[in-house]
Amino acid sequence: MSIEKPEPGRLVIQCDACDEFIEFFSDEGEPTGDPAECLRRAKKVGWISQKPVGSDWLQFCEACAMVAATEARRKHELDEERERIKQRNAGR
């Protein structure tokens, strides 16, 4: 999983494509008890989240976000094309 609480008062979001990570600390007033709020804050600085069908959520840093979005869009297009071919072949 790319969101971890390695110790009390600390939440770490790890990029699923590289070694980049973003940390949140409760002693700095950050909401480490609320992972959703930490994700919202990460998104404000360029991070994205994706949920591939049948998989866990993935987190990507700003540097990897564009590549991840492009790959997800391409996979979706290929899946749609595969489904159109199946439907066309089923009608024969």
C-alpha atoms as a PDB file:
ATOM      1  CA  MET A   1       0.000   0.000   0.000  1.00  0.00           C
ATOM      2  CA  SER A   2       1.271   3.442  -0.755  1.00  0.00           C
ATOM      3  CA  ILE A   3      -0.181   5.134   2.351  1.00  0.00           C
ATOM      4  CA  GLU A   4       1.446   4.122   5.613  1.00  0.00           C
ATOM      5  CA  LYS A   5       1.594   5.155   9.244  1.00  0.00           C
ATOM      6  CA  PRO A   6       5.104   4.000  10.167  1.00  0.00           C
ATOM      7  CA  GLU A   7       4.810   5.520  13.638  1.00  0.00           C
ATOM      8  CA  PRO A   8       2.251   7.438  15.691  1.00  0.00           C
ATOM      9  CA  GLY A   9       1.847  11.013  14.493  1.00  0.00           C
ATOM     10  CA  ARG A  10       3.365  10.391  11.061  1.00  0.00           C
ATOM     11  CA  LEU A  11       1.665   9.523   7.758  1.00  0.00           C
ATOM     12  CA  VAL A  12       3.628   8.799   4.570  1.00  0.00           C
ATOM     13  CA  ILE A  13       2.258   8.679   1.019  1.00  0.00           C
ATOM     14  CA  GLN A  14       4.646   6.865  -1.337  1.00  0.00           C
ATOM     15  CA  CYS A  15       4.571   7.300  -5.127  1.00  0.00           C
ATOM     16  CA  ASP A  16       3.771   3.955  -6.769  1.00  0.00           C
ATOM     17  CA  ALA A  17       6.011   4.740  -9.753  1.00  0.00           C
ATOM     18  CA  CYS A  18       9.191   6.117  -8.155  1.00  0.00           C
ATOM     19  CA  ASP A  19      10.858   6.631  -4.771  1.00  0.00           C
ATOM     20  CA  GLU A  20       9.225  10.015  -4.086  1.00  0.00           C
ATOM     21  CA  PHE A  21       7.138  10.396  -0.940  1.00  0.00           C
ATOM     22  CA  ILE A  22       5.320  13.064   1.015  1.00  0.00           C
ATOM     23  CA  GLU A  23       5.156  13.049   4.826  1.00  0.00           C
ATOM     24  CA  PHE A  24       2.676  14.523   7.266  1.00  0.00           C
ATOM     25  CA  PHE A  25       3.439  15.052  10.972  1.00  0.00           C
ATOM     26  CA  SER A  26       0.860  15.623  13.707  1.00  0.00           C
ATOM     27  CA  ASP A  27       3.326  17.709  15.745  1.00  0.00           C
ATOM     28  CA  GLU A  28       3.313  20.185  12.827  1.00  0.00           C
ATOM     29  CA  GLY A  29      -0.484  20.421  12.994  1.00  0.00           C
ATOM     30  CA  GLU A  30      -1.145  18.094  10.087  1.00  0.00           C
ATOM     31  CA  PRO A  31      -4.111  15.661  10.143  1.00  0.00           C
ATOM     32  CA  THR A  32      -2.210  12.359  10.270  1.00  0.00           C
ATOM     33  CA  GLY A  33      -5.293  10.664  11.730  1.00  0.00           C
ATOM     34  CA  ASP A  34      -7.253  11.515   8.554  1.00  0.00           C
ATOM     35  CA  PRO A  35      -5.626   9.909   5.477  1.00  0.00           C
ATOM     36  CA  ALA A  36      -8.292  11.405   3.183  1.00  0.00           C
ATOM     37  CA  GLU A  37      -7.370  14.929   4.292  1.00  0.00           C
ATOM     38  CA  CYS A  38      -3.678  14.162   3.800  1.00  0.00           C
ATOM     39  CA  LEU A  39      -4.478  12.953   0.263  1.00  0.00           C
ATOM     40  CA  ARG A  40      -6.369  16.188  -0.428  1.00  0.00           C
ATOM     41  CA  ARG A  41      -3.312  18.148   0.701  1.00  0.00           C
ATOM     42  CA  ALA A  42      -1.018  16.003  -1.459  1.00  0.00           C
ATOM     43  CA  LYS A  43      -3.269  16.629  -4.478  1.00  0.00           C
ATOM     44  CA  LYS A  44      -2.932  20.378  -3.917  1.00  0.00           C
ATOM     45  CA  VAL A  45       0.812  20.023  -4.601  1.00  0.00           C
ATOM     46  CA  GLY A  46       0.372  17.885  -7.726  1.00  0.00           C
ATOM     47  CA  TRP A  47      -0.129  14.320  -6.529  1.00  0.00           C
ATOM     48  CA  ILE A  48      -2.865  12.171  -8.103  1.00  0.00           C
ATOM     49  CA  SER A  49      -4.704   9.005  -7.075  1.00  0.00           C
ATOM     50  CA  GLN A  50      -6.001   6.306  -9.414  1.00  0.00           C
ATOM     51  CA  LYS A  51      -8.135   3.238  -8.778  1.00  0.00           C
ATOM     52  CA  PRO A  52      -7.664   0.659 -11.536  1.00  0.00           C
ATOM     53  CA  VAL A  53     -10.534  -1.829 -11.765  1.00  0.00           C
ATOM     54  CA  GLY A  54      -9.766  -4.810  -9.545  1.00  0.00           C
ATOM     55  CA  SER A  55      -6.748  -3.159  -7.925  1.00  0.00           C
ATOM     56  CA  ASP A  56      -5.890  -1.068  -4.889  1.00  0.00           C
ATOM     57  CA  TRP A  57      -5.628   2.707  -5.045  1.00  0.00           C
ATOM     58  CA  LEU A  58      -2.384   4.013  -6.541  1.00  0.00           C
ATOM     59  CA  GLN A  59      -0.695   7.307  -5.640  1.00  0.00           C
ATOM     60  CA  PHE A  60       1.577   9.239  -8.004  1.00  0.00           C
ATOM     61  CA  CYS A  61       3.817  12.225  -7.318  1.00  0.00           C
ATOM     62  CA  GLU A  62       3.710  15.322  -9.500  1.00  0.00           C
ATOM     63  CA  ALA A  63       6.601  14.070 -11.667  1.00  0.00           C
ATOM     64  CA  CYS A  64       4.901  10.717 -12.384  1.00  0.00           C
ATOM     65  CA  ALA A  65       1.293  11.952 -12.563  1.00  0.00           C
ATOM     66  CA  MET A  66       1.247  12.805 -16.283  1.00  0.00           C
ATOM     67  CA  VAL A  67       2.737   9.465 -17.332  1.00  0.00           C
ATOM     68  CA  ALA A  68       0.350   7.578 -15.035  1.00  0.00           C
ATOM     69  CA  ALA A  69      -2.670   9.443 -16.409  1.00  0.00           C
ATOM     70  CA  THR A  70      -1.588   8.796 -20.004  1.00  0.00           C
ATOM     71  CA  GLU A  71      -1.058   5.089 -19.328  1.00  0.00           C
ATOM     72  CA  ALA A  72      -4.450   4.798 -17.597  1.00  0.00           C
ATOM     73  CA  ARG A  73      -6.198   6.542 -20.512  1.00  0.00           C
ATOM     74  CA  ARG A  74      -4.454   4.267 -23.038  1.00  0.00           C
ATOM     75  CA  LYS A  75      -5.407   1.133 -21.065  1.00  0.00           C
ATOM     76  CA  HIS A  76      -9.026   2.325 -20.942  1.00  0.00           C
ATOM     77  CA  GLU A  77      -9.036   2.888 -24.726  1.00  0.00           C
ATOM     78  CA  LEU A  78      -7.596  -0.595 -25.333  1.00  0.00           C
ATOM     79  CA  ASP A  79     -10.176  -2.177 -23.014  1.00  0.00           C
ATOM     80  CA  GLU A  80     -12.998  -0.388 -24.846  1.00  0.00           C
ATOM     81  CA  GLU A  81     -11.660  -1.509 -28.230  1.00  0.00           C
ATOM     82  CA  ARG A  82     -11.350  -5.095 -26.982  1.00  0.00           C
ATOM     83  CA  GLU A  83     -14.983  -4.980 -25.803  1.00  0.00           C
ATOM     84  CA  ARG A  84     -16.179  -3.609 -29.183  1.00  0.00           C
ATOM     85  CA  ILE A  85     -14.374  -6.445 -30.972  1.00  0.00           C
ATOM     86  CA  LYS A  86     -15.939  -9.038 -28.662  1.00  0.00           C
ATOM     87  CA  GLN A  87     -19.417  -7.625 -29.275  1.00  0.00           C
ATOM     88  CA  ARG A  88     -18.867  -7.490 -33.016  1.00  0.00           C
ATOM     89  CA  ASN A  89     -17.611 -11.080 -33.093  1.00  0.00           C
ATOM     90  CA  ALA A  90     -20.497 -12.285 -30.909  1.00  0.00           C
ATOM     91  CA  GLY A  91     -22.971 -10.930 -33.485  1.00  0.00           C
ATOM     92  CA  ARG A  92     -21.576 -13.094 -36.326  1.00  0.00           C
END
